[in-house]
Structure formats: C-alpha cells, structure tokens
C-alpha cells in the first residue's frame, strides 16, 4: 500500500466491513485551494454502504469515518466529501 487511496480503502474496509466502497481522488479539482499540495492526494470523495452505520446519525457516521482515517489526516489528507449509507439506504436509492 503506497498511495493514500489504497491505505484509505484498507482502513475503511477493516473498520466498517462495507457492502460497497468507492474512493475517488479529487485533488486535481482543488489545485491552488487551501490544503492542496503538489502531487495531490489531499482531497477525496468516499461513497460507502455499511451495516455498521445502522442507527447512527449522519454526523456520527462522518465522525466514525474521520476517526478511522485519523492517521491519513495527520499525514496530509485535507478534505473528504462523504456519502455514507446503510446497505438498505443504498439499495433504496438505486
């Protein structure tokens, strides 16, 4: 695991056992903005469906993901756009 997306994928899989997980590097869209760095790997979109989110509010889900990725934030991750659902919520929206 050398790039941030790979490490994030592994951390989120371990923490949440997701039914679905997509991670997109949006860093190029934020070049020149706060937190952007040469070489990117600073801004990401995460779309995840996990049973672990059952009974959690939107804020609790976000906090749980941020906690799971604390090491990445400490090493240069700047921003996440999050779509976090239970598998049932994700199925209803398809």
Protein backbone atom coordinates (compact mmCIF):
# COMPACT_ATOMS: atom_id res chain seq x y z
CA UNK A 1 0.00 0.00 0.00
CA UNK A 2 1.79 3.07 -1.15
CA UNK A 3 -0.80 5.62 -2.17
CA UNK A 4 -3.30 7.28 0.10
CA UNK A 5 -6.40 5.87 -1.64
CA UNK A 6 -5.12 2.32 -1.14
CA UNK A 7 -4.43 2.95 2.54
CA UNK A 8 -7.82 4.60 2.99
CA UNK A 9 -9.54 1.68 1.29
CA UNK A 10 -7.83 -0.79 3.63
CA UNK A 11 -8.61 1.25 6.76
CA UNK A 12 -12.27 1.70 5.86
CA UNK A 13 -12.69 -1.97 4.93
CA UNK A 14 -11.19 -3.02 8.26
CA UNK A 15 -13.25 -0.55 10.31
CA UNK A 16 -16.64 -0.93 8.62
CA UNK A 17 -16.72 -4.15 6.52
CA UNK A 18 -18.62 -2.22 3.83
CA UNK A 19 -21.03 -3.75 1.35
CA UNK A 20 -19.83 -1.12 -1.11
CA UNK A 21 -16.92 1.32 -1.13
CA UNK A 22 -15.72 3.80 -3.74
CA UNK A 23 -12.89 6.26 -3.20
CA UNK A 24 -12.10 8.99 -5.74
CA UNK A 25 -9.12 11.34 -5.65
CA UNK A 26 -10.49 14.84 -6.31
CA UNK A 27 -7.23 16.62 -5.59
CA UNK A 28 -6.78 17.96 -9.13
CA UNK A 29 -10.08 19.83 -8.80
CA UNK A 30 -8.70 21.65 -5.75
CA UNK A 31 -5.29 22.71 -7.04
CA UNK A 32 -4.47 26.11 -5.61
CA UNK A 33 -7.05 25.82 -2.83
CA UNK A 34 -6.40 25.52 0.89
CA UNK A 35 -4.89 22.18 1.81
CA UNK A 36 -3.92 21.28 -1.76
CA UNK A 37 -0.40 20.00 -2.18
CA UNK A 38 1.83 19.33 -5.17
CA UNK A 39 1.30 15.72 -6.15
CA UNK A 40 -2.29 15.68 -4.89
CA UNK A 41 -3.65 13.01 -2.56
CA UNK A 42 -5.28 15.67 -0.36
CA UNK A 43 -8.98 15.76 -1.36
CA UNK A 44 -11.16 12.66 -1.75
CA UNK A 45 -14.75 11.56 -2.21
CA UNK A 46 -15.82 8.45 -0.29
CA UNK A 47 -19.09 6.65 -1.06
CA UNK A 48 -19.68 3.77 1.34
CA UNK A 49 -22.54 1.50 2.35
CA UNK A 50 -22.03 -0.40 5.60
CA UNK A 51 -24.26 -2.13 8.12
CA UNK A 52 -22.08 -0.51 10.79
CA UNK A 53 -23.95 2.75 10.08
CA UNK A 54 -27.29 1.33 11.29
CA UNK A 55 -28.73 3.58 14.00
CA UNK A 56 -26.07 6.26 13.51
CA UNK A 57 -26.85 9.85 12.59
CA UNK A 58 -25.19 11.47 9.60
CA UNK A 59 -22.79 13.29 11.94
CA UNK A 60 -21.94 10.09 13.84
CA UNK A 61 -21.18 8.31 10.56
CA UNK A 62 -18.90 11.13 9.45
CA UNK A 63 -17.10 11.19 12.80
CA UNK A 64 -16.57 7.42 12.64
CA UNK A 65 -15.00 7.68 9.17
CA UNK A 66 -12.81 10.58 10.24
CA UNK A 67 -11.66 8.57 13.27
CA UNK A 68 -10.83 5.56 11.07
CA UNK A 69 -8.76 7.84 8.82
CA UNK A 70 -7.09 9.87 11.59
CA UNK A 71 -3.64 8.70 10.50
CA UNK A 72 -4.26 9.92 6.96
CA UNK A 73 -5.40 13.33 8.21
CA UNK A 74 -2.23 13.51 10.29
CA UNK A 75 -0.13 12.83 7.19
CA UNK A 76 -1.67 15.30 4.74
CA UNK A 77 -5.24 14.30 3.93
CA UNK A 78 -7.11 17.60 3.90
CA UNK A 79 -10.74 17.01 2.95
CA UNK A 80 -13.35 14.33 2.41
CA UNK A 81 -16.70 14.52 0.65
CA UNK A 82 -18.71 11.71 2.24
CA UNK A 83 -21.78 9.77 1.19
CA UNK A 84 -22.36 7.22 3.95
CA UNK A 85 -25.36 4.89 3.93
CA UNK A 86 -26.53 1.59 5.29
CA UNK A 87 -26.90 -1.14 2.64
CA UNK A 88 -30.72 -0.75 2.82
CA UNK A 89 -30.48 3.02 2.27
CA UNK A 90 -28.14 2.48 -0.67
CA UNK A 91 -30.47 -0.10 -2.23
CA UNK A 92 -33.48 2.22 -1.94
CA UNK A 93 -31.59 4.97 -3.79
CA UNK A 94 -30.54 2.87 -6.78
